[in-house]
Amino acid sequence: MMAQSQKLFPLVGISLLGLLIGLYLFAAKRFSKSKVTKHSVGTSSKDTLKYWTADKMRSAQPAPLPTTDKVEPTKKPSQKTDPQHS
């Protein structure tokens, strides 16, 4: 009788551990905040296409990018050379 319970215990333990991990993953997915934000735009796509003429597209300027005061690289760039481009 003892040998049978020794074989059963690891199976029950692994099953419970799997169940707990599954519940944790389900809860984490279910209750996490979504990183996708949706918003509506008051302008129709037809009006937008009419607005962006070829002249406006040519004179368009890119949006400014955020700047930082300090940037410290975490890795040094590789010094390997490509034999095909030597």
PDB file of N, CA and C in Angstrom:
ATOM      1  N   MET A   1       0.816  -1.183   0.000  1.00  0.00           N
ATOM      2  CA  MET A   1       0.000   0.000   0.000  1.00  0.00           C
ATOM      3  C   MET A   1       0.867   1.257   0.000  1.00  0.00           C
ATOM      4  N   MET A   2       2.007   1.199   0.671  1.00  0.00           N
ATOM      5  CA  MET A   2       2.895   2.350   0.761  1.00  0.00           C
ATOM      6  C   MET A   2       3.492   2.703  -0.600  1.00  0.00           C
ATOM      7  N   ALA A   3       3.839   1.719  -1.409  1.00  0.00           N
ATOM      8  CA  ALA A   3       4.440   1.970  -2.721  1.00  0.00           C
ATOM      9  C   ALA A   3       3.453   2.676  -3.641  1.00  0.00           C
ATOM     10  N   GLN A   4       2.172   2.321  -3.533  1.00  0.00           N
ATOM     11  CA  GLN A   4       1.165   2.936  -4.393  1.00  0.00           C
ATOM     12  C   GLN A   4       0.967   4.410  -4.017  1.00  0.00           C
ATOM     13  N   SER A   5       0.989   4.741  -2.737  1.00  0.00           N
ATOM     14  CA  SER A   5       0.805   6.133  -2.325  1.00  0.00           C
ATOM     15  C   SER A   5       2.032   6.970  -2.679  1.00  0.00           C
ATOM     16  N   GLN A   6       3.219   6.350  -2.693  1.00  0.00           N
ATOM     17  CA  GLN A   6       4.421   7.086  -3.075  1.00  0.00           C
ATOM     18  C   GLN A   6       4.401   7.433  -4.558  1.00  0.00           C
ATOM     19  N   LYS A   7       3.791   6.611  -5.390  1.00  0.00           N
ATOM     20  CA  LYS A   7       3.676   6.907  -6.815  1.00  0.00           C
ATOM     21  C   LYS A   7       2.583   7.944  -7.062  1.00  0.00           C
ATOM     22  N   LEU A   8       1.558   7.945  -6.231  1.00  0.00           N
ATOM     23  CA  LEU A   8       0.423   8.844  -6.411  1.00  0.00           C
ATOM     24  C   LEU A   8       0.752  10.272  -5.975  1.00  0.00           C
ATOM     25  N   PHE A   9       1.573  10.433  -4.936  1.00  0.00           N
ATOM     26  CA  PHE A   9       1.869  11.756  -4.402  1.00  0.00           C
ATOM     27  C   PHE A   9       2.515  12.689  -5.425  1.00  0.00           C
ATOM     28  N   PRO A  10       3.548  12.294  -6.156  1.00  0.00           N
ATOM     29  CA  PRO A  10       4.118  13.218  -7.151  1.00  0.00           C
ATOM     30  C   PRO A  10       3.118  13.591  -8.247  1.00  0.00           C
ATOM     31  N   LEU A  11       2.258  12.657  -8.629  1.00  0.00           N
ATOM     32  CA  LEU A  11       1.274  12.935  -9.665  1.00  0.00           C
ATOM     33  C   LEU A  11       0.270  13.979  -9.187  1.00  0.00           C
ATOM     34  N   VAL A  12      -0.192  13.857  -7.948  1.00  0.00           N
ATOM     35  CA  VAL A  12      -1.125  14.825  -7.378  1.00  0.00           C
ATOM     36  C   VAL A  12      -0.433  16.178  -7.223  1.00  0.00           C
ATOM     37  N   GLY A  13       0.797  16.194  -6.761  1.00  0.00           N
ATOM     38  CA  GLY A  13       1.548  17.440  -6.581  1.00  0.00           C
ATOM     39  C   GLY A  13       1.763  18.176  -7.894  1.00  0.00           C
ATOM     40  N   ILE A  14       2.142  17.449  -8.912  1.00  0.00           N
ATOM     41  CA  ILE A  14       2.362  18.054 -10.229  1.00  0.00           C
ATOM     42  C   ILE A  14       1.049  18.572 -10.795  1.00  0.00           C
ATOM     43  N   SER A  15      -0.019  17.817 -10.596  1.00  0.00           N
ATOM     44  CA  SER A  15      -1.335  18.260 -11.088  1.00  0.00           C
ATOM     45  C   SER A  15      -1.777  19.544 -10.391  1.00  0.00           C
ATOM     46  N   LEU A  16      -1.613  19.621  -9.081  1.00  0.00           N
ATOM     47  CA  LEU A  16      -1.982  20.826  -8.347  1.00  0.00           C
ATOM     48  C   LEU A  16      -1.112  22.014  -8.756  1.00  0.00           C
ATOM     49  N   LEU A  17       0.159  21.786  -8.942  1.00  0.00           N
ATOM     50  CA  LEU A  17       1.049  22.848  -9.378  1.00  0.00           C
ATOM     51  C   LEU A  17       0.649  23.362 -10.759  1.00  0.00           C
ATOM     52  N   GLY A  18       0.329  22.463 -11.661  1.00  0.00           N
ATOM     53  CA  GLY A  18      -0.135  22.864 -12.991  1.00  0.00           C
ATOM     54  C   GLY A  18      -1.430  23.647 -12.933  1.00  0.00           C
ATOM     55  N   LEU A  19      -2.335  23.225 -12.060  1.00  0.00           N
ATOM     56  CA  LEU A  19      -3.602  23.932 -11.891  1.00  0.00           C
ATOM     57  C   LEU A  19      -3.374  25.338 -11.345  1.00  0.00           C
ATOM     58  N   LEU A  20      -2.508  25.468 -10.353  1.00  0.00           N
ATOM     59  CA  LEU A  20      -2.203  26.780  -9.793  1.00  0.00           C
ATOM     60  C   LEU A  20      -1.547  27.705 -10.818  1.00  0.00           C
ATOM     61  N   ILE A  21      -0.632  27.186 -11.601  1.00  0.00           N
ATOM     62  CA  ILE A  21       0.011  27.982 -12.639  1.00  0.00           C
ATOM     63  C   ILE A  21      -1.013  28.419 -13.682  1.00  0.00           C
ATOM     64  N   GLY A  22      -1.897  27.511 -14.069  1.00  0.00           N
ATOM     65  CA  GLY A  22      -2.944  27.850 -15.032  1.00  0.00           C
ATOM     66  C   GLY A  22      -3.875  28.926 -14.508  1.00  0.00           C
ATOM     67  N   LEU A  23      -4.276  28.828 -13.243  1.00  0.00           N
ATOM     68  CA  LEU A  23      -5.131  29.853 -12.638  1.00  0.00           C
ATOM     69  C   LEU A  23      -4.417  31.201 -12.563  1.00  0.00           C
ATOM     70  N   TYR A  24      -3.145  31.176 -12.231  1.00  0.00           N
ATOM     71  CA  TYR A  24      -2.371  32.415 -12.166  1.00  0.00           C
ATOM     72  C   TYR A  24      -2.292  33.078 -13.542  1.00  0.00           C
ATOM     73  N   LEU A  25      -1.986  32.307 -14.568  1.00  0.00           N
ATOM     74  CA  LEU A  25      -1.886  32.869 -15.915  1.00  0.00           C
ATOM     75  C   LEU A  25      -3.231  33.391 -16.397  1.00  0.00           C
ATOM     76  N   PHE A  26      -4.301  32.681 -16.094  1.00  0.00           N
ATOM     77  CA  PHE A  26      -5.640  33.135 -16.474  1.00  0.00           C
ATOM     78  C   PHE A  26      -5.968  34.457 -15.789  1.00  0.00           C
ATOM     79  N   ALA A  27      -5.713  34.530 -14.484  1.00  0.00           N
ATOM     80  CA  ALA A  27      -6.014  35.749 -13.728  1.00  0.00           C
ATOM     81  C   ALA A  27      -5.146  36.905 -14.200  1.00  0.00           C
ATOM     82  N   ALA A  28      -3.881  36.637 -14.492  1.00  0.00           N
ATOM     83  CA  ALA A  28      -2.991  37.699 -14.951  1.00  0.00           C
ATOM     84  C   ALA A  28      -3.462  38.266 -16.284  1.00  0.00           C
ATOM     85  N   LYS A  29      -3.905  37.397 -17.182  1.00  0.00           N
ATOM     86  CA  LYS A  29      -4.390  37.851 -18.486  1.00  0.00           C
ATOM     87  C   LYS A  29      -5.733  38.569 -18.347  1.00  0.00           C
ATOM     88  N   ARG A  30      -6.578  38.039 -17.511  1.00  0.00           N
ATOM     89  CA  ARG A  30      -7.936  38.573 -17.363  1.00  0.00           C
ATOM     90  C   ARG A  30      -7.954  39.940 -16.698  1.00  0.00           C
ATOM     91  N   PHE A  31      -7.140  40.125 -15.678  1.00  0.00           N
ATOM     92  CA  PHE A  31      -7.218  41.339 -14.877  1.00  0.00           C
ATOM     93  C   PHE A  31      -6.105  42.343 -15.158  1.00  0.00           C
ATOM     94  N   SER A  32      -5.240  42.064 -16.117  1.00  0.00           N
ATOM     95  CA  SER A  32      -4.196  43.036 -16.431  1.00  0.00           C
ATOM     96  C   SER A  32      -4.790  44.180 -17.244  1.00  0.00           C
ATOM     97  N   LYS A  33      -4.175  45.342 -17.116  1.00  0.00           N
ATOM     98  CA  LYS A  33      -4.640  46.498 -17.866  1.00  0.00           C
ATOM     99  C   LYS A  33      -4.147  46.373 -19.303  1.00  0.00           C
ATOM    100  N   SER A  34      -5.013  46.681 -20.224  1.00  0.00           N
ATOM    101  CA  SER A  34      -4.660  46.616 -21.633  1.00  0.00           C
ATOM    102  C   SER A  34      -3.691  47.733 -21.980  1.00  0.00           C
ATOM    103  N   LYS A  35      -2.721  47.445 -22.817  1.00  0.00           N
ATOM    104  CA  LYS A  35      -1.758  48.443 -23.233  1.00  0.00           C
ATOM    105  C   LYS A  35      -2.184  49.128 -24.531  1.00  0.00           C
ATOM    106  N   VAL A  36      -3.271  48.688 -25.112  1.00  0.00           N
ATOM    107  CA  VAL A  36      -3.772  49.278 -26.353  1.00  0.00           C
ATOM    108  C   VAL A  36      -4.819  50.326 -25.986  1.00  0.00           C
ATOM    109  N   THR A  37      -4.630  51.524 -26.506  1.00  0.00           N
ATOM    110  CA  THR A  37      -5.567  52.604 -26.235  1.00  0.00           C
ATOM    111  C   THR A  37      -6.311  52.938 -27.514  1.00  0.00           C
ATOM    112  N   LYS A  38      -7.608  53.061 -27.409  1.00  0.00           N
ATOM    113  CA  LYS A  38      -8.426  53.407 -28.565  1.00  0.00           C
ATOM    114  C   LYS A  38      -9.013  54.790 -28.351  1.00  0.00           C
ATOM    115  N   HIS A  39      -9.107  55.551 -29.429  1.00  0.00           N
ATOM    116  CA  HIS A  39      -9.771  56.831 -29.372  1.00  0.00           C
ATOM    117  C   HIS A  39     -10.436  57.103 -30.719  1.00  0.00           C
ATOM    118  N   SER A  40     -11.461  57.910 -30.678  1.00  0.00           N
ATOM    119  CA  SER A  40     -12.164  58.221 -31.916  1.00  0.00           C
ATOM    120  C   SER A  40     -11.667  59.560 -32.451  1.00  0.00           C
ATOM    121  N   VAL A  41     -11.781  59.727 -33.753  1.00  0.00           N
ATOM    122  CA  VAL A  41     -11.357  60.946 -34.432  1.00  0.00           C
ATOM    123  C   VAL A  41     -12.581  61.550 -35.082  1.00  0.00           C
ATOM    124  N   GLY A  42     -12.742  62.856 -34.930  1.00  0.00           N
ATOM    125  CA  GLY A  42     -13.928  63.520 -35.459  1.00  0.00           C
ATOM    126  C   GLY A  42     -13.896  63.755 -36.961  1.00  0.00           C
ATOM    127  N   THR A  43     -12.756  63.584 -37.613  1.00  0.00           N
ATOM    128  CA  THR A  43     -12.621  63.848 -39.041  1.00  0.00           C
ATOM    129  C   THR A  43     -12.744  62.544 -39.824  1.00  0.00           C
ATOM    130  N   SER A  44     -13.457  62.600 -40.928  1.00  0.00           N
ATOM    131  CA  SER A  44     -13.590  61.395 -41.754  1.00  0.00           C
ATOM    132  C   SER A  44     -12.320  61.175 -42.571  1.00  0.00           C
ATOM    133  N   SER A  45     -12.130  59.961 -43.030  1.00  0.00           N
ATOM    134  CA  SER A  45     -10.934  59.656 -43.829  1.00  0.00           C
ATOM    135  C   SER A  45     -10.953  60.392 -45.166  1.00  0.00           C
ATOM    136  N   LYS A  46     -12.131  60.635 -45.724  1.00  0.00           N
ATOM    137  CA  LYS A  46     -12.217  61.368 -46.994  1.00  0.00           C
ATOM    138  C   LYS A  46     -11.733  62.805 -46.821  1.00  0.00           C
ATOM    139  N   ASP A  47     -12.129  63.444 -45.720  1.00  0.00           N
ATOM    140  CA  ASP A  47     -11.673  64.807 -45.460  1.00  0.00           C
ATOM    141  C   ASP A  47     -10.163  64.855 -45.267  1.00  0.00           C
ATOM    142  N   THR A  48      -9.605  63.855 -44.608  1.00  0.00           N
ATOM    143  CA  THR A  48      -8.162  63.801 -44.395  1.00  0.00           C
ATOM    144  C   THR A  48      -7.433  63.659 -45.722  1.00  0.00           C
ATOM    145  N   LEU A  49      -7.928  62.812 -46.612  1.00  0.00           N
ATOM    146  CA  LEU A  49      -7.303  62.645 -47.924  1.00  0.00           C
ATOM    147  C   LEU A  49      -7.390  63.930 -48.751  1.00  0.00           C
ATOM    148  N   LYS A  50      -8.475  64.661 -48.615  1.00  0.00           N
ATOM    149  CA  LYS A  50      -8.601  65.935 -49.327  1.00  0.00           C
ATOM    150  C   LYS A  50      -7.614  66.964 -48.783  1.00  0.00           C
ATOM    151  N   TYR A  51      -7.393  66.956 -47.472  1.00  0.00           N
ATOM    152  CA  TYR A  51      -6.518  67.924 -46.835  1.00  0.00           C
ATOM    153  C   TYR A  51      -5.059  67.726 -47.245  1.00  0.00           C
ATOM    154  N   TRP A  52      -4.610  66.479 -47.252  1.00  0.00           N
ATOM    155  CA  TRP A  52      -3.193  66.212 -47.523  1.00  0.00           C
ATOM    156  C   TRP A  52      -2.926  66.151 -49.019  1.00  0.00           C
ATOM    157  N   THR A  53      -2.767  67.314 -49.602  1.00  0.00           N
ATOM    158  CA  THR A  53      -2.442  67.411 -51.026  1.00  0.00           C
ATOM    159  C   THR A  53      -0.954  67.129 -51.207  1.00  0.00           C
ATOM    160  N   ALA A  54      -0.510  67.020 -52.455  1.00  0.00           N
ATOM    161  CA  ALA A  54       0.906  66.754 -52.751  1.00  0.00           C
ATOM    162  C   ALA A  54       1.783  67.890 -52.230  1.00  0.00           C
ATOM    163  N   ASP A  55       1.339  69.150 -52.365  1.00  0.00           N
ATOM    164  CA  ASP A  55       2.130  70.282 -51.862  1.00  0.00           C
ATOM    165  C   ASP A  55       2.269  70.235 -50.340  1.00  0.00           C
ATOM    166  N   LYS A  56       1.202  69.905 -49.639  1.00  0.00           N
ATOM    167  CA  LYS A  56       1.275  69.822 -48.175  1.00  0.00           C
ATOM    168  C   LYS A  56       2.170  68.667 -47.734  1.00  0.00           C
ATOM    169  N   MET A  57       2.120  67.580 -48.457  1.00  0.00           N
ATOM    170  CA  MET A  57       2.977  66.439 -48.108  1.00  0.00           C
ATOM    171  C   MET A  57       4.448  66.795 -48.307  1.00  0.00           C
ATOM    172  N   ARG A  58       4.770  67.538 -49.383  1.00  0.00           N
ATOM    173  CA  ARG A  58       6.160  67.933 -49.639  1.00  0.00           C
ATOM    174  C   ARG A  58       6.681  68.873 -48.555  1.00  0.00           C
ATOM    175  N   SER A  59       5.832  69.767 -48.044  1.00  0.00           N
ATOM    176  CA  SER A  59       6.284  70.738 -47.050  1.00  0.00           C
ATOM    177  C   SER A  59       6.070  70.263 -45.609  1.00  0.00           C
ATOM    178  N   ALA A  60       5.604  69.045 -45.405  1.00  0.00           N
ATOM    179  CA  ALA A  60       5.352  68.524 -44.055  1.00  0.00           C
ATOM    180  C   ALA A  60       6.663  68.326 -43.308  1.00  0.00           C
ATOM    181  N   GLN A  61       6.637  68.600 -42.011  1.00  0.00           N
ATOM    182  CA  GLN A  61       7.799  68.433 -41.137  1.00  0.00           C
ATOM    183  C   GLN A  61       7.521  67.296 -40.163  1.00  0.00           C
ATOM    184  N   PRO A  62       8.540  66.509 -39.841  1.00  0.00           N
ATOM    185  CA  PRO A  62       8.325  65.421 -38.878  1.00  0.00           C
ATOM    186  C   PRO A  62       8.059  65.971 -37.478  1.00  0.00           C
ATOM    187  N   ALA A  63       7.342  65.201 -36.698  1.00  0.00           N
ATOM    188  CA  ALA A  63       7.075  65.577 -35.310  1.00  0.00           C
ATOM    189  C   ALA A  63       8.374  65.498 -34.516  1.00  0.00           C
ATOM    190  N   PRO A  64       8.572  66.379 -33.550  1.00  0.00           N
ATOM    191  CA  PRO A  64       9.812  66.331 -32.761  1.00  0.00           C
ATOM    192  C   PRO A  64       9.872  65.064 -31.913  1.00  0.00           C
ATOM    193  N   LEU A  65      11.060  64.490 -31.830  1.00  0.00           N
ATOM    194  CA  LEU A  65      11.274  63.293 -31.019  1.00  0.00           C
ATOM    195  C   LEU A  65      11.654  63.692 -29.605  1.00  0.00           C
ATOM    196  N   PRO A  66      11.355  62.855 -28.629  1.00  0.00           N
ATOM    197  CA  PRO A  66      11.757  63.180 -27.258  1.00  0.00           C
ATOM    198  C   PRO A  66      13.277  63.178 -27.139  1.00  0.00           C
ATOM    199  N   THR A  67      13.796  64.014 -26.263  1.00  0.00           N
ATOM    200  CA  THR A  67      15.242  64.089 -26.061  1.00  0.00           C
ATOM    201  C   THR A  67      15.573  63.700 -24.630  1.00  0.00           C
ATOM    202  N   THR A  68      16.808  63.256 -24.433  1.00  0.00           N
ATOM    203  CA  THR A  68      17.283  62.922 -23.095  1.00  0.00           C
ATOM    204  C   THR A  68      18.626  63.601 -22.886  1.00  0.00           C
ATOM    205  N   ASP A  69      18.956  63.841 -21.635  1.00  0.00           N
ATOM    206  CA  ASP A  69      20.234  64.477 -21.327  1.00  0.00           C
ATOM    207  C   ASP A  69      21.378  63.478 -21.351  1.00  0.00           C
ATOM    208  N   LYS A  70      21.140  62.298 -20.801  1.00  0.00           N
ATOM    209  CA  LYS A  70      22.190  61.284 -20.706  1.00  0.00           C
ATOM    210  C   LYS A  70      21.724  59.991 -21.327  1.00  0.00           C
ATOM    211  N   VAL A  71      22.569  59.433 -22.150  1.00  0.00           N
ATOM    212  CA  VAL A  71      22.316  58.111 -22.691  1.00  0.00           C
ATOM    213  C   VAL A  71      23.596  57.309 -22.524  1.00  0.00           C
ATOM    214  N   GLU A  72      23.499  56.253 -21.748  1.00  0.00           N
ATOM    215  CA  GLU A  72      24.657  55.400 -21.540  1.00  0.00           C
ATOM    216  C   GLU A  72      24.400  54.062 -22.204  1.00  0.00           C
ATOM    217  N   PRO A  73      25.208  53.705 -23.197  1.00  0.00           N
ATOM    218  CA  PRO A  73      24.988  52.426 -23.878  1.00  0.00           C
ATOM    219  C   PRO A  73      25.246  51.262 -22.928  1.00  0.00           C
ATOM    220  N   THR A  74      24.449  50.224 -23.092  1.00  0.00           N
ATOM    221  CA  THR A  74      24.614  49.045 -22.245  1.00  0.00           C
ATOM    222  C   THR A  74      25.609  48.068 -22.840  1.00  0.00           C
ATOM    223  N   LYS A  75      25.763  48.089 -24.146  1.00  0.00           N
ATOM    224  CA  LYS A  75      26.712  47.203 -24.816  1.00  0.00           C
ATOM    225  C   LYS A  75      27.554  48.025 -25.768  1.00  0.00           C
ATOM    226  N   LYS A  76      28.801  47.631 -25.894  1.00  0.00           N
ATOM    227  CA  LYS A  76      29.649  48.285 -26.881  1.00  0.00           C
ATOM    228  C   LYS A  76      29.334  47.703 -28.252  1.00  0.00           C
ATOM    229  N   PRO A  77      29.411  48.513 -29.307  1.00  0.00           N
ATOM    230  CA  PRO A  77      29.172  47.975 -30.648  1.00  0.00           C
ATOM    231  C   PRO A  77      30.236  46.935 -31.013  1.00  0.00           C
ATOM    232  N   SER A  78      29.829  45.980 -31.779  1.00  0.00           N
ATOM    233  CA  SER A  78      30.732  44.914 -32.197  1.00  0.00           C
ATOM    234  C   SER A  78      31.794  45.466 -33.138  1.00  0.00           C
ATOM    235  N   GLN A  79      33.031  45.040 -32.959  1.00  0.00           N
ATOM    236  CA  GLN A  79      34.139  45.497 -33.805  1.00  0.00           C
ATOM    237  C   GLN A  79      34.440  44.514 -34.929  1.00  0.00           C
ATOM    238  N   LYS A  80      33.583  43.508 -35.075  1.00  0.00           N
ATOM    239  CA  LYS A  80      33.809  42.516 -36.128  1.00  0.00           C
ATOM    240  C   LYS A  80      33.599  43.155 -37.491  1.00  0.00           C
ATOM    241  N   THR A  81      34.394  42.722 -38.437  1.00  0.00           N
ATOM    242  CA  THR A  81      34.228  43.218 -39.813  1.00  0.00           C
ATOM    243  C   THR A  81      33.634  42.125 -40.664  1.00  0.00           C
ATOM    244  N   ASP A  82      32.821  42.515 -41.582  1.00  0.00           N
ATOM    245  CA  ASP A  82      32.193  41.572 -42.496  1.00  0.00           C
ATOM    246  C   ASP A  82      33.162  41.279 -43.625  1.00  0.00           C
ATOM    247  N   PRO A  83      33.567  40.008 -43.855  1.00  0.00           N
ATOM    248  CA  PRO A  83      34.536  39.698 -44.901  1.00  0.00           C
ATOM    249  C   PRO A  83      34.041  40.043 -46.298  1.00  0.00           C
ATOM    250  N   GLN A  84      32.746  40.076 -46.503  1.00  0.00           N
ATOM    251  CA  GLN A  84      32.221  40.391 -47.835  1.00  0.00           C
ATOM    252  C   GLN A  84      32.352  41.874 -48.155  1.00  0.00           C
ATOM    253  N   HIS A  85      32.388  42.726 -47.121  1.00  0.00           N
ATOM    254  CA  HIS A  85      32.444  44.164 -47.351  1.00  0.00           C
ATOM    255  C   HIS A  85      33.821  44.733 -47.083  1.00  0.00           C
ATOM    256  N   SER A  86      34.859  43.916 -46.961  1.00  0.00           N
ATOM    257  CA  SER A  86      36.205  44.413 -46.689  1.00  0.00           C
ATOM    258  C   SER A  86      36.914  44.810 -47.944  1.00  0.00           C
TER     259      SER A  86
END
